[in-house]
C-alpha atoms as a PDB file:
ATOM      1  CA  MET A   1       4.808   0.145  16.369  1.00  0.00           C
ATOM      2  CA  THR A   2       1.590   2.058  16.881  1.00  0.00           C
ATOM      3  CA  ASN A   3      -1.535  -0.027  16.348  1.00  0.00           C
ATOM      4  CA  VAL A   4      -3.095   1.321  13.123  1.00  0.00           C
ATOM      5  CA  VAL A   5      -6.399  -0.421  13.840  1.00  0.00           C
ATOM      6  CA  GLU A   6      -6.780   1.490  17.119  1.00  0.00           C
ATOM      7  CA  LEU A   7      -5.728   4.760  15.488  1.00  0.00           C
ATOM      8  CA  LEU A   8      -8.253   4.284  12.683  1.00  0.00           C
ATOM      9  CA  LYS A   9     -11.007   3.284  15.108  1.00  0.00           C
ATOM     10  CA  ALA A  10     -10.372   6.374  17.222  1.00  0.00           C
ATOM     11  CA  ARG A  11     -10.745   8.531  14.103  1.00  0.00           C
ATOM     12  CA  HIS A  12     -13.728   6.592  12.714  1.00  0.00           C
ATOM     13  CA  GLN A  13     -11.781   6.014   9.507  1.00  0.00           C
ATOM     14  CA  THR A  14     -11.158   3.083   7.195  1.00  0.00           C
ATOM     15  CA  VAL A  15      -8.322   1.664   5.115  1.00  0.00           C
ATOM     16  CA  ALA A  16      -7.966  -0.417   1.951  1.00  0.00           C
ATOM     17  CA  THR A  17      -4.934  -1.849   0.173  1.00  0.00           C
ATOM     18  CA  ALA A  18      -3.785  -2.498  -3.380  1.00  0.00           C
ATOM     19  CA  GLU A  19      -0.909  -4.929  -3.245  1.00  0.00           C
ATOM     20  CA  SER A  20       1.432  -6.265  -5.867  1.00  0.00           C
ATOM     21  CA  LEU A  21       4.704  -7.161  -4.156  1.00  0.00           C
ATOM     22  CA  THR A  22       3.009  -8.309  -0.951  1.00  0.00           C
ATOM     23  CA  ALA A  23       0.069 -10.141  -2.598  1.00  0.00           C
ATOM     24  CA  GLY A  24      -2.364  -9.493   0.260  1.00  0.00           C
ATOM     25  CA  LEU A  25       0.094  -9.812   3.139  1.00  0.00           C
ATOM     26  CA  LEU A  26      -0.475  -6.211   4.264  1.00  0.00           C
ATOM     27  CA  CYS A  27      -4.250  -6.555   4.467  1.00  0.00           C
ATOM     28  CA  ALA A  28      -3.905  -9.953   6.151  1.00  0.00           C
ATOM     29  CA  THR A  29      -1.514  -8.457   8.700  1.00  0.00           C
ATOM     30  CA  ILE A  30      -3.918  -5.644   9.535  1.00  0.00           C
ATOM     31  CA  VAL A  31      -6.856  -8.017   9.987  1.00  0.00           C
ATOM     32  CA  ASP A  32      -4.824 -10.135  12.403  1.00  0.00           C
ATOM     33  CA  THR A  33      -5.582  -7.357  14.914  1.00  0.00           C
ATOM     34  CA  PRO A  34      -8.821  -7.794  16.883  1.00  0.00           C
ATOM     35  CA  GLY A  35     -11.373  -5.179  15.851  1.00  0.00           C
ATOM     36  CA  ALA A  36      -9.988  -4.817  12.334  1.00  0.00           C
ATOM     37  CA  SER A  37     -13.409  -5.419  10.800  1.00  0.00           C
ATOM     38  CA  ALA A  38     -14.409  -1.948  11.984  1.00  0.00           C
ATOM     39  CA  VAL A  39     -11.722  -0.274   9.859  1.00  0.00           C
ATOM     40  CA  VAL A  40     -10.662  -2.524   6.975  1.00  0.00           C
ATOM     41  CA  ARG A  41     -12.759  -2.044   3.837  1.00  0.00           C
ATOM     42  CA  GLY A  42     -10.896  -4.524   1.635  1.00  0.00           C
ATOM     43  CA  GLY A  43      -7.946  -5.067  -0.590  1.00  0.00           C
ATOM     44  CA  LEU A  44      -6.943  -5.601  -4.180  1.00  0.00           C
ATOM     45  CA  ILE A  45      -4.291  -8.141  -5.059  1.00  0.00           C
ATOM     46  CA  VAL A  46      -2.853  -6.903  -8.326  1.00  0.00           C
ATOM     47  CA  TYR A  47       0.183  -9.089  -8.818  1.00  0.00           C
ATOM     48  CA  ALA A  48      -0.146  -9.177 -12.619  1.00  0.00           C
ATOM     49  CA  THR A  49       0.723  -5.881 -14.297  1.00  0.00           C
ATOM     50  CA  GLU A  50      -2.501  -5.676 -16.301  1.00  0.00           C
ATOM     51  CA  LEU A  51      -4.551  -5.973 -13.104  1.00  0.00           C
ATOM     52  CA  LYS A  52      -2.901  -2.855 -11.735  1.00  0.00           C
ATOM     53  CA  HIS A  53      -4.701  -1.007 -14.526  1.00  0.00           C
ATOM     54  CA  GLU A  54      -7.882  -3.086 -14.712  1.00  0.00           C
ATOM     55  CA  LEU A  55      -8.658  -3.351 -10.989  1.00  0.00           C
ATOM     56  CA  ALA A  56      -6.813  -0.461  -9.345  1.00  0.00           C
ATOM     57  CA  GLY A  57      -7.028   2.070 -12.159  1.00  0.00           C
ATOM     58  CA  VAL A  58      -3.290   2.645 -12.599  1.00  0.00           C
ATOM     59  CA  ASP A  59      -2.688   4.644 -15.754  1.00  0.00           C
ATOM     60  CA  GLN A  60      -1.818   2.290 -18.625  1.00  0.00           C
ATOM     61  CA  GLN A  61       0.606   4.790 -20.150  1.00  0.00           C
ATOM     62  CA  LEU A  62       2.513   4.959 -16.845  1.00  0.00           C
ATOM     63  CA  LEU A  63       2.782   1.166 -16.783  1.00  0.00           C
ATOM     64  CA  ASP A  64       3.872   1.074 -20.447  1.00  0.00           C
ATOM     65  CA  GLU A  65       6.515   3.762 -19.994  1.00  0.00           C
ATOM     66  CA  HIS A  66       7.930   2.889 -16.566  1.00  0.00           C
ATOM     67  CA  GLY A  67       6.829  -0.647 -15.750  1.00  0.00           C
ATOM     68  CA  ALA A  68       5.002  -1.859 -12.672  1.00  0.00           C
ATOM     69  CA  VAL A  69       7.712  -0.927 -10.163  1.00  0.00           C
ATOM     70  CA  HIS A  70       7.676   2.854  -9.978  1.00  0.00           C
ATOM     71  CA  PRO A  71       6.822   5.407  -7.265  1.00  0.00           C
ATOM     72  CA  ASP A  72       3.903   6.808  -9.299  1.00  0.00           C
ATOM     73  CA  VAL A  73       2.459   3.316  -9.641  1.00  0.00           C
ATOM     74  CA  ALA A  74       2.487   2.980  -5.835  1.00  0.00           C
ATOM     75  CA  ILE A  75       0.596   6.275  -5.465  1.00  0.00           C
ATOM     76  CA  GLN A  76      -1.964   5.268  -8.070  1.00  0.00           C
ATOM     77  CA  LEU A  77      -2.397   1.874  -6.395  1.00  0.00           C
ATOM     78  CA  ALA A  78      -3.097   3.651  -3.097  1.00  0.00           C
ATOM     79  CA  GLU A  79      -5.586   5.983  -4.770  1.00  0.00           C
ATOM     80  CA  GLY A  80      -7.197   3.063  -6.569  1.00  0.00           C
ATOM     81  CA  ALA A  81      -7.643   1.107  -3.331  1.00  0.00           C
ATOM     82  CA  ARG A  82      -9.076   4.148  -1.610  1.00  0.00           C
ATOM     83  CA  ASN A  83     -11.513   4.962  -4.417  1.00  0.00           C
ATOM     84  CA  ARG A  84     -12.585   1.462  -5.382  1.00  0.00           C
ATOM     85  CA  CYS A  85     -13.089   0.326  -1.780  1.00  0.00           C
ATOM     86  CA  LYS A  86     -14.535   3.671  -0.655  1.00  0.00           C
ATOM     87  CA  SER A  87     -12.133   4.019   2.253  1.00  0.00           C
ATOM     88  CA  ASP A  88     -10.571   7.004   3.966  1.00  0.00           C
ATOM     89  CA  TRP A  89      -7.038   5.705   3.447  1.00  0.00           C
ATOM     90  CA  GLY A  90      -5.436   3.657   0.697  1.00  0.00           C
ATOM     91  CA  ILE A  91      -2.058   1.966   0.707  1.00  0.00           C
ATOM     92  CA  GLY A  92      -0.358   0.756  -2.465  1.00  0.00           C
ATOM     93  CA  LEU A  93       2.654  -1.528  -2.571  1.00  0.00           C
ATOM     94  CA  THR A  94       4.852  -2.380  -5.517  1.00  0.00           C
ATOM     95  CA  GLY A  95       8.437  -3.564  -5.711  1.00  0.00           C
ATOM     96  CA  VAL A  96      10.828  -6.361  -6.495  1.00  0.00           C
ATOM     97  CA  ALA A  97      11.212  -9.201  -4.002  1.00  0.00           C
ATOM     98  CA  GLY A  98      13.856 -10.934  -6.116  1.00  0.00           C
ATOM     99  CA  PRO A  99      15.931 -12.822  -6.686  1.00  0.00           C
ATOM    100  CA  ASP A 100      16.001 -11.265 -10.175  1.00  0.00           C
ATOM    101  CA  PRO A 101      15.512  -7.645 -11.240  1.00  0.00           C
ATOM    102  CA  GLN A 102      12.183  -6.633 -12.808  1.00  0.00           C
ATOM    103  CA  ASP A 103      11.985  -4.046 -15.578  1.00  0.00           C
ATOM    104  CA  GLY A 104      15.566  -3.072 -14.733  1.00  0.00           C
ATOM    105  CA  VAL A 105      14.715  -2.458 -11.067  1.00  0.00           C
ATOM    106  CA  ALA A 106      16.950  -4.125  -8.469  1.00  0.00           C
ATOM    107  CA  PRO A 107      15.628  -6.691  -6.000  1.00  0.00           C
ATOM    108  CA  GLY A 108      14.794  -5.153  -2.644  1.00  0.00           C
ATOM    109  CA  THR A 109      13.345  -1.967  -4.158  1.00  0.00           C
ATOM    110  CA  VAL A 110       9.947  -1.169  -2.622  1.00  0.00           C
ATOM    111  CA  HIS A 111       7.573   1.736  -3.266  1.00  0.00           C
ATOM    112  CA  ILE A 112       4.828   2.388  -0.709  1.00  0.00           C
ATOM    113  CA  GLY A 113       2.045   4.746  -1.730  1.00  0.00           C
ATOM    114  CA  LEU A 114      -0.346   6.364   0.727  1.00  0.00           C
ATOM    115  CA  SER A 115      -3.534   8.230  -0.116  1.00  0.00           C
ATOM    116  CA  GLY A 116      -5.785   9.798   2.486  1.00  0.00           C
ATOM    117  CA  PRO A 117      -7.527  12.984   3.528  1.00  0.00           C
ATOM    118  CA  GLY A 118      -5.233  15.680   2.157  1.00  0.00           C
ATOM    119  CA  VAL A 119      -2.409  13.156   1.737  1.00  0.00           C
ATOM    120  CA  SER A 120      -0.827  11.679  -1.368  1.00  0.00           C
ATOM    121  CA  THR A 121       2.717  10.478  -0.795  1.00  0.00           C
ATOM    122  CA  VAL A 122       5.153   7.721  -1.581  1.00  0.00           C
ATOM    123  CA  ARG A 123       8.075   6.277   0.333  1.00  0.00           C
ATOM    124  CA  THR A 124      10.785   4.287  -1.410  1.00  0.00           C
ATOM    125  CA  ILE A 125      12.900   1.862   0.577  1.00  0.00           C
ATOM    126  CA  THR A 126      15.612  -0.645  -0.225  1.00  0.00           C
ATOM    127  CA  VAL A 127      15.510  -3.918   1.673  1.00  0.00           C
ATOM    128  CA  SER A 128      18.261  -6.515   1.985  1.00  0.00           C
ATOM    129  CA  GLY A 129      17.493 -10.181   2.205  1.00  0.00           C
ATOM    130  CA  ASP A 130      15.448 -12.858   0.531  1.00  0.00           C
ATOM    131  CA  ARG A 131      11.908 -12.587  -0.875  1.00  0.00           C
ATOM    132  CA  LYS A 132      10.319 -13.185   2.500  1.00  0.00           C
ATOM    133  CA  ALA A 133      12.413 -10.478   4.178  1.00  0.00           C
ATOM    134  CA  VAL A 134      11.574  -7.962   1.441  1.00  0.00           C
ATOM    135  CA  ARG A 135       7.835  -8.663   1.620  1.00  0.00           C
ATOM    136  CA  PHE A 136       7.631  -8.620   5.424  1.00  0.00           C
ATOM    137  CA  THR A 137       9.703  -5.435   5.672  1.00  0.00           C
ATOM    138  CA  ALA A 138       7.477  -3.793   3.040  1.00  0.00           C
ATOM    139  CA  VAL A 139       4.413  -4.577   5.171  1.00  0.00           C
ATOM    140  CA  GLU A 140       6.078  -3.268   8.330  1.00  0.00           C
ATOM    141  CA  LYS A 141       7.150  -0.020   6.647  1.00  0.00           C
ATOM    142  CA  ALA A 142       3.694   0.473   5.099  1.00  0.00           C
ATOM    143  CA  LEU A 143       2.113   0.237   8.545  1.00  0.00           C
ATOM    144  CA  VAL A 144       4.686   2.667   9.925  1.00  0.00           C
ATOM    145  CA  LEU A 145       3.937   5.136   7.119  1.00  0.00           C
ATOM    146  CA  LEU A 146       0.187   4.965   7.728  1.00  0.00           C
ATOM    147  CA  SER A 147       0.584   5.322  11.501  1.00  0.00           C
ATOM    148  CA  GLU A 148       2.891   8.339  11.057  1.00  0.00           C
ATOM    149  CA  TYR A 149       0.246  10.125   9.005  1.00  0.00           C
ATOM    150  CA  LEU A 150      -2.576   9.125  11.318  1.00  0.00           C
ATOM    151  CA  LEU A 151      -0.651  10.567  14.247  1.00  0.00           C
ATOM    152  CA  MET A 152       0.436  13.655  12.293  1.00  0.00           C
ATOM    153  CA  THR A 153      -2.947  14.636  10.881  1.00  0.00           C
ATOM    154  CA  GLY A 154      -4.961  14.661  14.110  1.00  0.00           C
ATOM    155  CA  ASP A 155      -8.662  13.916  13.846  1.00  0.00           C
ATOM    156  CA  GLY A 156      -8.815  14.337  10.072  1.00  0.00           C
ATOM    157  CA  ASN A 157     -12.049  14.211   8.158  1.00  0.00           C
ATOM    158  CA  LYS A 158     -14.078  11.148   7.423  1.00  0.00           C
ATOM    159  CA  ARG A 159     -14.482  10.538   3.725  1.00  0.00           C
END
């Protein structure tokens, strides 16, 4: 996998996370890379549904109508991380690690939101395995999504 820290450093850009499903694992994984302090602005751990609204700015009506595990929630988490932490890129993660469904959503369902310069997208994946496998795969796929866009968008514009 492409090193997102190096890609961000080369572009003079930053990243922030808003994590539900992964509870900070994504941000912790990024900062395991030497030099991460140059690109990581911070992260929001919004495990409780009400914190998705209070800290990340997810629309309360969206949460009331669709629950916390929805593609639009992932996008709004990414936008919230980006705006609240004043970063160039935001990544939002929500999903169900299991073993039980949440709000009628099956375990292994993961929504990854990405917000950046000219980018607002979500990727939905289904992961097999236990809670640990779902969370670790969600982190891996979030990093892949960010690196794809960093490689695709060239130099981009600093926020």
